[in-house]
């Protein structure tokens, strides 16, 4: 069973608050392990001061309590003020999730004006930047958000029109491969997310894929 993304079942998202024009194409898909009805992996994205935030949280374990932890992480992240750094957002999530199972989390912010993407994560989140010259994998710190972490690092890269950012939970292998036809412009972010989950998701864990494609000029 494939679940809609969190929080509002909208697969394609992103409009400027002032102009109401679409600014981004986002695709997200989740799938619980076969033994559970609920998926402990959750995707979310939101706008703050014209920057796009994207996040994927993987609640520890499976089922209801894993999902509660992942949803709590997303709620905590979205409560933080716009000027909060990615590392501080994760630190505040860590405080807020102490009563939960905890999560692995990936958090990115896209600054369309500066044409950059910054990523910060903890745990087994797979994060990948794809452009015309490279497939670059981002590195996460060690630990569990809600139980402490270390070696947190914010990685900022150039991010141009047509570039792709994707995140996946450890329901996909660490070194999953994105074929060139999938990353071509004719493939939407939602199609790419669904194709990756279909091809690479393991049967022994929850799985989630979140994809953002920067709009072409």
C-alpha atoms as a PDB file:
ATOM      1  CA  UNK A   1       0.000   0.000   0.000  1.00  0.00           C
ATOM      2  CA  UNK A   2       1.327   3.431  -0.953  1.00  0.00           C
ATOM      3  CA  UNK A   3       0.336   6.300   1.310  1.00  0.00           C
ATOM      4  CA  UNK A   4      -0.148   9.962   0.388  1.00  0.00           C
ATOM      5  CA  UNK A   5       2.454  12.353   1.699  1.00  0.00           C
ATOM      6  CA  UNK A   6       2.027  14.348   4.900  1.00  0.00           C
ATOM      7  CA  UNK A   7       0.348  16.633   5.793  1.00  0.00           C
ATOM      8  CA  UNK A   8      -2.362  17.331   3.236  1.00  0.00           C
ATOM      9  CA  UNK A   9      -2.309  14.701   0.457  1.00  0.00           C
ATOM     10  CA  UNK A  10      -1.132  17.307  -2.049  1.00  0.00           C
ATOM     11  CA  UNK A  11       1.417  15.667  -4.301  1.00  0.00           C
ATOM     12  CA  UNK A  12       2.469  18.779  -6.176  1.00  0.00           C
ATOM     13  CA  UNK A  13       3.068  21.720  -3.936  1.00  0.00           C
ATOM     14  CA  UNK A  14       4.572  25.170  -3.699  1.00  0.00           C
ATOM     15  CA  UNK A  15       3.085  28.586  -4.369  1.00  0.00           C
ATOM     16  CA  UNK A  16       4.482  32.009  -3.655  1.00  0.00           C
ATOM     17  CA  UNK A  17       2.462  33.686  -0.900  1.00  0.00           C
ATOM     18  CA  UNK A  18       2.416  37.006  -2.756  1.00  0.00           C
ATOM     19  CA  UNK A  19       1.822  35.958  -6.369  1.00  0.00           C
ATOM     20  CA  UNK A  20       0.189  32.545  -5.766  1.00  0.00           C
ATOM     21  CA  UNK A  21       2.192  31.258  -8.709  1.00  0.00           C
ATOM     22  CA  UNK A  22       3.612  27.718  -8.575  1.00  0.00           C
ATOM     23  CA  UNK A  23       7.297  27.771  -7.721  1.00  0.00           C
ATOM     24  CA  UNK A  24       8.192  24.138  -7.201  1.00  0.00           C
ATOM     25  CA  UNK A  25       7.388  20.593  -8.099  1.00  0.00           C
ATOM     26  CA  UNK A  26       7.540  18.156  -5.220  1.00  0.00           C
ATOM     27  CA  UNK A  27       6.791  14.451  -5.253  1.00  0.00           C
ATOM     28  CA  UNK A  28       6.482  12.226  -2.201  1.00  0.00           C
ATOM     29  CA  UNK A  29       5.484   8.645  -1.564  1.00  0.00           C
ATOM     30  CA  UNK A  30       5.537   6.373   1.493  1.00  0.00           C
ATOM     31  CA  UNK A  31       4.854   2.670   2.015  1.00  0.00           C
ATOM     32  CA  UNK A  32       4.568   0.819   5.332  1.00  0.00           C
ATOM     33  CA  UNK A  33       6.163  -2.534   5.993  1.00  0.00           C
ATOM     34  CA  UNK A  34       3.743  -5.322   5.106  1.00  0.00           C
ATOM     35  CA  UNK A  35       3.046  -6.207   8.747  1.00  0.00           C
ATOM     36  CA  UNK A  36       1.817  -2.699   9.659  1.00  0.00           C
ATOM     37  CA  UNK A  37      -1.054  -0.513   8.497  1.00  0.00           C
ATOM     38  CA  UNK A  38       0.755   2.743   9.362  1.00  0.00           C
ATOM     39  CA  UNK A  39       4.025   3.974   7.930  1.00  0.00           C
ATOM     40  CA  UNK A  40       6.633   5.364  10.316  1.00  0.00           C
ATOM     41  CA  UNK A  41       8.281   7.366   7.510  1.00  0.00           C
ATOM     42  CA  UNK A  42       6.864  10.837   6.879  1.00  0.00           C
ATOM     43  CA  UNK A  43       7.590  13.524   4.260  1.00  0.00           C
ATOM     44  CA  UNK A  44       6.781  17.231   4.490  1.00  0.00           C
ATOM     45  CA  UNK A  45       7.614  20.548   2.840  1.00  0.00           C
ATOM     46  CA  UNK A  46       6.741  24.149   3.577  1.00  0.00           C
ATOM     47  CA  UNK A  47       7.613  27.707   2.566  1.00  0.00           C
ATOM     48  CA  UNK A  48       9.271  30.240   4.859  1.00  0.00           C
ATOM     49  CA  UNK A  49      10.374  33.687   3.630  1.00  0.00           C
ATOM     50  CA  UNK A  50      10.354  32.472   0.008  1.00  0.00           C
ATOM     51  CA  UNK A  51      12.648  29.564   0.886  1.00  0.00           C
ATOM     52  CA  UNK A  52      11.426  26.015   0.435  1.00  0.00           C
ATOM     53  CA  UNK A  53      12.027  23.573   3.294  1.00  0.00           C
ATOM     54  CA  UNK A  54      11.850  19.840   2.655  1.00  0.00           C
ATOM     55  CA  UNK A  55      12.114  17.101   5.227  1.00  0.00           C
ATOM     56  CA  UNK A  56      11.886  13.344   5.616  1.00  0.00           C
ATOM     57  CA  UNK A  57      11.642  11.710   9.050  1.00  0.00           C
ATOM     58  CA  UNK A  58      11.966   7.998   9.763  1.00  0.00           C
ATOM     59  CA  UNK A  59      10.491   7.045  13.131  1.00  0.00           C
ATOM     60  CA  UNK A  60      12.428   4.384  14.984  1.00  0.00           C
ATOM     61  CA  UNK A  61      10.909   0.978  14.324  1.00  0.00           C
ATOM     62  CA  UNK A  62       7.502   0.605  12.683  1.00  0.00           C
ATOM     63  CA  UNK A  63       3.820   1.269  13.209  1.00  0.00           C
ATOM     64  CA  UNK A  64       1.899   3.744  15.325  1.00  0.00           C
ATOM     65  CA  UNK A  65       4.663   4.912  17.669  1.00  0.00           C
ATOM     66  CA  UNK A  66       7.172   5.320  14.866  1.00  0.00           C
ATOM     67  CA  UNK A  67       4.670   7.438  12.962  1.00  0.00           C
ATOM     68  CA  UNK A  68       3.907   9.527  16.039  1.00  0.00           C
ATOM     69  CA  UNK A  69       7.596  10.311  16.414  1.00  0.00           C
ATOM     70  CA  UNK A  70       7.964  11.237  12.740  1.00  0.00           C
ATOM     71  CA  UNK A  71       4.915  13.496  12.810  1.00  0.00           C
ATOM     72  CA  UNK A  72       6.169  15.147  15.996  1.00  0.00           C
ATOM     73  CA  UNK A  73       9.498  15.858  14.295  1.00  0.00           C
ATOM     74  CA  UNK A  74       7.776  17.525  11.358  1.00  0.00           C
ATOM     75  CA  UNK A  75       5.573  19.604  13.639  1.00  0.00           C
ATOM     76  CA  UNK A  76       8.600  20.712  15.665  1.00  0.00           C
ATOM     77  CA  UNK A  77      10.580  21.655  12.562  1.00  0.00           C
ATOM     78  CA  UNK A  78       7.755  23.756  11.167  1.00  0.00           C
ATOM     79  CA  UNK A  79       7.307  25.643  14.446  1.00  0.00           C
ATOM     80  CA  UNK A  80      10.811  27.095  14.345  1.00  0.00           C
ATOM     81  CA  UNK A  81      11.329  30.748  13.316  1.00  0.00           C
ATOM     82  CA  UNK A  82      12.440  31.486   9.774  1.00  0.00           C
ATOM     83  CA  UNK A  83      15.941  32.570  10.807  1.00  0.00           C
ATOM     84  CA  UNK A  84      16.685  29.289  12.624  1.00  0.00           C
ATOM     85  CA  UNK A  85      19.591  27.356  11.123  1.00  0.00           C
ATOM     86  CA  UNK A  86      19.067  23.765   9.976  1.00  0.00           C
ATOM     87  CA  UNK A  87      21.285  22.460  12.763  1.00  0.00           C
ATOM     88  CA  UNK A  88      19.345  24.440  15.383  1.00  0.00           C
ATOM     89  CA  UNK A  89      16.039  23.167  13.984  1.00  0.00           C
ATOM     90  CA  UNK A  90      17.275  19.615  14.429  1.00  0.00           C
ATOM     91  CA  UNK A  91      18.580  20.409  17.929  1.00  0.00           C
ATOM     92  CA  UNK A  92      15.164  21.741  18.935  1.00  0.00           C
ATOM     93  CA  UNK A  93      13.516  18.671  17.417  1.00  0.00           C
ATOM     94  CA  UNK A  94      15.848  16.578  19.567  1.00  0.00           C
ATOM     95  CA  UNK A  95      14.544  18.343  22.684  1.00  0.00           C
ATOM     96  CA  UNK A  96      10.912  18.086  21.579  1.00  0.00           C
ATOM     97  CA  UNK A  97      11.115  14.361  20.799  1.00  0.00           C
ATOM     98  CA  UNK A  98      12.556  13.143  24.108  1.00  0.00           C
ATOM     99  CA  UNK A  99       9.269  11.449  25.028  1.00  0.00           C
ATOM    100  CA  UNK A 100       9.041   9.633  21.691  1.00  0.00           C
ATOM    101  CA  UNK A 101      10.929   6.779  20.060  1.00  0.00           C
ATOM    102  CA  UNK A 102      12.983   9.317  18.140  1.00  0.00           C
ATOM    103  CA  UNK A 103      13.689   9.638  14.448  1.00  0.00           C
ATOM    104  CA  UNK A 104      16.292   9.801  11.760  1.00  0.00           C
ATOM    105  CA  UNK A 105      15.743  13.010   9.825  1.00  0.00           C
ATOM    106  CA  UNK A 106      16.875  14.834   6.722  1.00  0.00           C
ATOM    107  CA  UNK A 107      16.191  18.558   6.402  1.00  0.00           C
ATOM    108  CA  UNK A 108      16.930  20.775   3.418  1.00  0.00           C
ATOM    109  CA  UNK A 109      16.287  24.388   2.489  1.00  0.00           C
ATOM    110  CA  UNK A 110      16.267  25.665  -1.079  1.00  0.00           C
ATOM    111  CA  UNK A 111      17.101  29.339  -1.619  1.00  0.00           C
ATOM    112  CA  UNK A 112      15.934  30.067  -5.149  1.00  0.00           C
ATOM    113  CA  UNK A 113      17.375  33.588  -5.105  1.00  0.00           C
ATOM    114  CA  UNK A 114      20.880  32.446  -4.183  1.00  0.00           C
ATOM    115  CA  UNK A 115      20.414  29.244  -6.225  1.00  0.00           C
ATOM    116  CA  UNK A 116      21.585  27.035  -3.364  1.00  0.00           C
ATOM    117  CA  UNK A 117      20.391  24.014  -1.440  1.00  0.00           C
ATOM    118  CA  UNK A 118      21.546  23.306   2.102  1.00  0.00           C
ATOM    119  CA  UNK A 119      21.131  19.910   3.743  1.00  0.00           C
ATOM    120  CA  UNK A 120      21.523  18.662   7.295  1.00  0.00           C
ATOM    121  CA  UNK A 121      20.568  15.255   8.647  1.00  0.00           C
ATOM    122  CA  UNK A 122      20.868  12.687  11.403  1.00  0.00           C
ATOM    123  CA  UNK A 123      20.766   8.916  10.979  1.00  0.00           C
ATOM    124  CA  UNK A 124      20.168   6.707   7.988  1.00  0.00           C
ATOM    125  CA  UNK A 125      18.576   9.208   5.628  1.00  0.00           C
ATOM    126  CA  UNK A 126      19.708   8.991   2.011  1.00  0.00           C
ATOM    127  CA  UNK A 127      19.999  12.414   0.364  1.00  0.00           C
ATOM    128  CA  UNK A 128      21.147  13.027  -3.188  1.00  0.00           C
ATOM    129  CA  UNK A 129      21.678  16.054  -5.442  1.00  0.00           C
ATOM    130  CA  UNK A 130      21.453  15.388  -9.185  1.00  0.00           C
ATOM    131  CA  UNK A 131      22.479  17.887 -11.852  1.00  0.00           C
ATOM    132  CA  UNK A 132      24.097  17.898 -15.271  1.00  0.00           C
ATOM    133  CA  UNK A 133      27.558  17.119 -13.900  1.00  0.00           C
ATOM    134  CA  UNK A 134      27.153  14.990 -10.806  1.00  0.00           C
ATOM    135  CA  UNK A 135      25.170  12.727  -8.492  1.00  0.00           C
ATOM    136  CA  UNK A 136      26.268  14.056  -5.080  1.00  0.00           C
ATOM    137  CA  UNK A 137      25.337  12.265  -1.875  1.00  0.00           C
ATOM    138  CA  UNK A 138      24.925  14.255   1.321  1.00  0.00           C
ATOM    139  CA  UNK A 139      26.258  12.946   4.640  1.00  0.00           C
ATOM    140  CA  UNK A 140      24.225  12.726   7.852  1.00  0.00           C
ATOM    141  CA  UNK A 141      25.416  12.964  11.443  1.00  0.00           C
ATOM    142  CA  UNK A 142      25.277  10.050  13.875  1.00  0.00           C
ATOM    143  CA  UNK A 143      22.558   9.419  16.430  1.00  0.00           C
ATOM    144  CA  UNK A 144      18.787   9.586  16.876  1.00  0.00           C
ATOM    145  CA  UNK A 145      16.834  12.829  17.063  1.00  0.00           C
ATOM    146  CA  UNK A 146      15.118  12.518  20.431  1.00  0.00           C
ATOM    147  CA  UNK A 147      18.020  10.635  22.017  1.00  0.00           C
ATOM    148  CA  UNK A 148      21.039  12.744  21.071  1.00  0.00           C
ATOM    149  CA  UNK A 149      23.310  13.074  18.071  1.00  0.00           C
ATOM    150  CA  UNK A 150      26.783  14.197  17.001  1.00  0.00           C
ATOM    151  CA  UNK A 151      28.811  15.281  13.966  1.00  0.00           C
ATOM    152  CA  UNK A 152      26.044  17.457  12.561  1.00  0.00           C
ATOM    153  CA  UNK A 153      27.090  19.183   9.354  1.00  0.00           C
ATOM    154  CA  UNK A 154      25.335  21.645   7.030  1.00  0.00           C
ATOM    155  CA  UNK A 155      26.319  21.055   3.397  1.00  0.00           C
ATOM    156  CA  UNK A 156      25.462  23.872   0.967  1.00  0.00           C
ATOM    157  CA  UNK A 157      25.664  23.360  -2.792  1.00  0.00           C
ATOM    158  CA  UNK A 158      24.714  25.295  -5.902  1.00  0.00           C
ATOM    159  CA  UNK A 159      21.217  24.398  -7.070  1.00  0.00           C
ATOM    160  CA  UNK A 160      20.166  25.509 -10.529  1.00  0.00           C
ATOM    161  CA  UNK A 161      16.934  25.255 -12.550  1.00  0.00           C
ATOM    162  CA  UNK A 162      16.286  21.637 -13.477  1.00  0.00           C
ATOM    163  CA  UNK A 163      18.444  20.235 -10.643  1.00  0.00           C
ATOM    164  CA  UNK A 164      16.941  17.506  -8.463  1.00  0.00           C
ATOM    165  CA  UNK A 165      17.091  16.950  -4.719  1.00  0.00           C
ATOM    166  CA  UNK A 166      15.885  13.645  -3.343  1.00  0.00           C
ATOM    167  CA  UNK A 167      15.691  12.059   0.079  1.00  0.00           C
ATOM    168  CA  UNK A 168      14.833   8.499   1.045  1.00  0.00           C
ATOM    169  CA  UNK A 169      14.533   6.544   4.259  1.00  0.00           C
ATOM    170  CA  UNK A 170      16.564   3.412   4.911  1.00  0.00           C
ATOM    171  CA  UNK A 171      13.725   1.469   3.358  1.00  0.00           C
ATOM    172  CA  UNK A 172      15.869   2.011   0.257  1.00  0.00           C
ATOM    173  CA  UNK A 173      19.470   0.751   0.046  1.00  0.00           C
ATOM    174  CA  UNK A 174      22.132   3.297   0.928  1.00  0.00           C
ATOM    175  CA  UNK A 175      23.548   3.414  -2.592  1.00  0.00           C
ATOM    176  CA  UNK A 176      20.393   3.190  -4.680  1.00  0.00           C
ATOM    177  CA  UNK A 177      20.926   4.290  -8.275  1.00  0.00           C
ATOM    178  CA  UNK A 178      18.909   6.852 -10.220  1.00  0.00           C
ATOM    179  CA  UNK A 179      18.920   6.022 -13.911  1.00  0.00           C
ATOM    180  CA  UNK A 180      19.335   8.877 -16.398  1.00  0.00           C
ATOM    181  CA  UNK A 181      15.905   8.391 -18.031  1.00  0.00           C
ATOM    182  CA  UNK A 182      14.248   8.863 -14.639  1.00  0.00           C
ATOM    183  CA  UNK A 183      16.031  12.133 -14.011  1.00  0.00           C
ATOM    184  CA  UNK A 184      15.174  13.621 -17.414  1.00  0.00           C
ATOM    185  CA  UNK A 185      12.904  16.655 -17.440  1.00  0.00           C
ATOM    186  CA  UNK A 186       9.994  14.675 -18.902  1.00  0.00           C
ATOM    187  CA  UNK A 187       9.748  12.713 -15.639  1.00  0.00           C
ATOM    188  CA  UNK A 188       7.844  14.620 -12.943  1.00  0.00           C
ATOM    189  CA  UNK A 189       8.986  14.705  -9.330  1.00  0.00           C
ATOM    190  CA  UNK A 190       6.048  12.497  -8.348  1.00  0.00           C
ATOM    191  CA  UNK A 191       6.794   9.980 -11.093  1.00  0.00           C
ATOM    192  CA  UNK A 192      10.428   9.872 -10.036  1.00  0.00           C
ATOM    193  CA  UNK A 193       9.520   9.322  -6.371  1.00  0.00           C
ATOM    194  CA  UNK A 194       7.109   6.522  -7.209  1.00  0.00           C
ATOM    195  CA  UNK A 195       9.532   4.851  -9.619  1.00  0.00           C
ATOM    196  CA  UNK A 196      12.363   4.891  -7.081  1.00  0.00           C
ATOM    197  CA  UNK A 197      10.206   3.401  -4.358  1.00  0.00           C
ATOM    198  CA  UNK A 198       8.851   0.758  -6.718  1.00  0.00           C
ATOM    199  CA  UNK A 199      12.326  -0.261  -7.888  1.00  0.00           C
ATOM    200  CA  UNK A 200      14.380  -0.022  -4.704  1.00  0.00           C
ATOM    201  CA  UNK A 201      12.201  -0.314  -1.582  1.00  0.00           C
ATOM    202  CA  UNK A 202      12.957  -3.339   0.585  1.00  0.00           C
ATOM    203  CA  UNK A 203      10.161  -5.514   1.974  1.00  0.00           C
ATOM    204  CA  UNK A 204      11.528  -5.581   5.514  1.00  0.00           C
ATOM    205  CA  UNK A 205      11.100  -1.907   6.409  1.00  0.00           C
ATOM    206  CA  UNK A 206       8.927   1.164   5.939  1.00  0.00           C
ATOM    207  CA  UNK A 207       9.999   3.209   2.923  1.00  0.00           C
ATOM    208  CA  UNK A 208       9.689   6.831   1.813  1.00  0.00           C
ATOM    209  CA  UNK A 209      10.986   8.957  -1.046  1.00  0.00           C
ATOM    210  CA  UNK A 210      10.813  12.757  -1.323  1.00  0.00           C
ATOM    211  CA  UNK A 211      11.822  14.509  -4.575  1.00  0.00           C
ATOM    212  CA  UNK A 212      12.099  18.180  -5.490  1.00  0.00           C
ATOM    213  CA  UNK A 213      12.889  19.409  -8.992  1.00  0.00           C
ATOM    214  CA  UNK A 214      13.921  23.064  -9.293  1.00  0.00           C
ATOM    215  CA  UNK A 215      11.655  24.753 -11.831  1.00  0.00           C
ATOM    216  CA  UNK A 216      13.255  25.417 -15.227  1.00  0.00           C
ATOM    217  CA  UNK A 217      13.626  29.017 -16.335  1.00  0.00           C
END
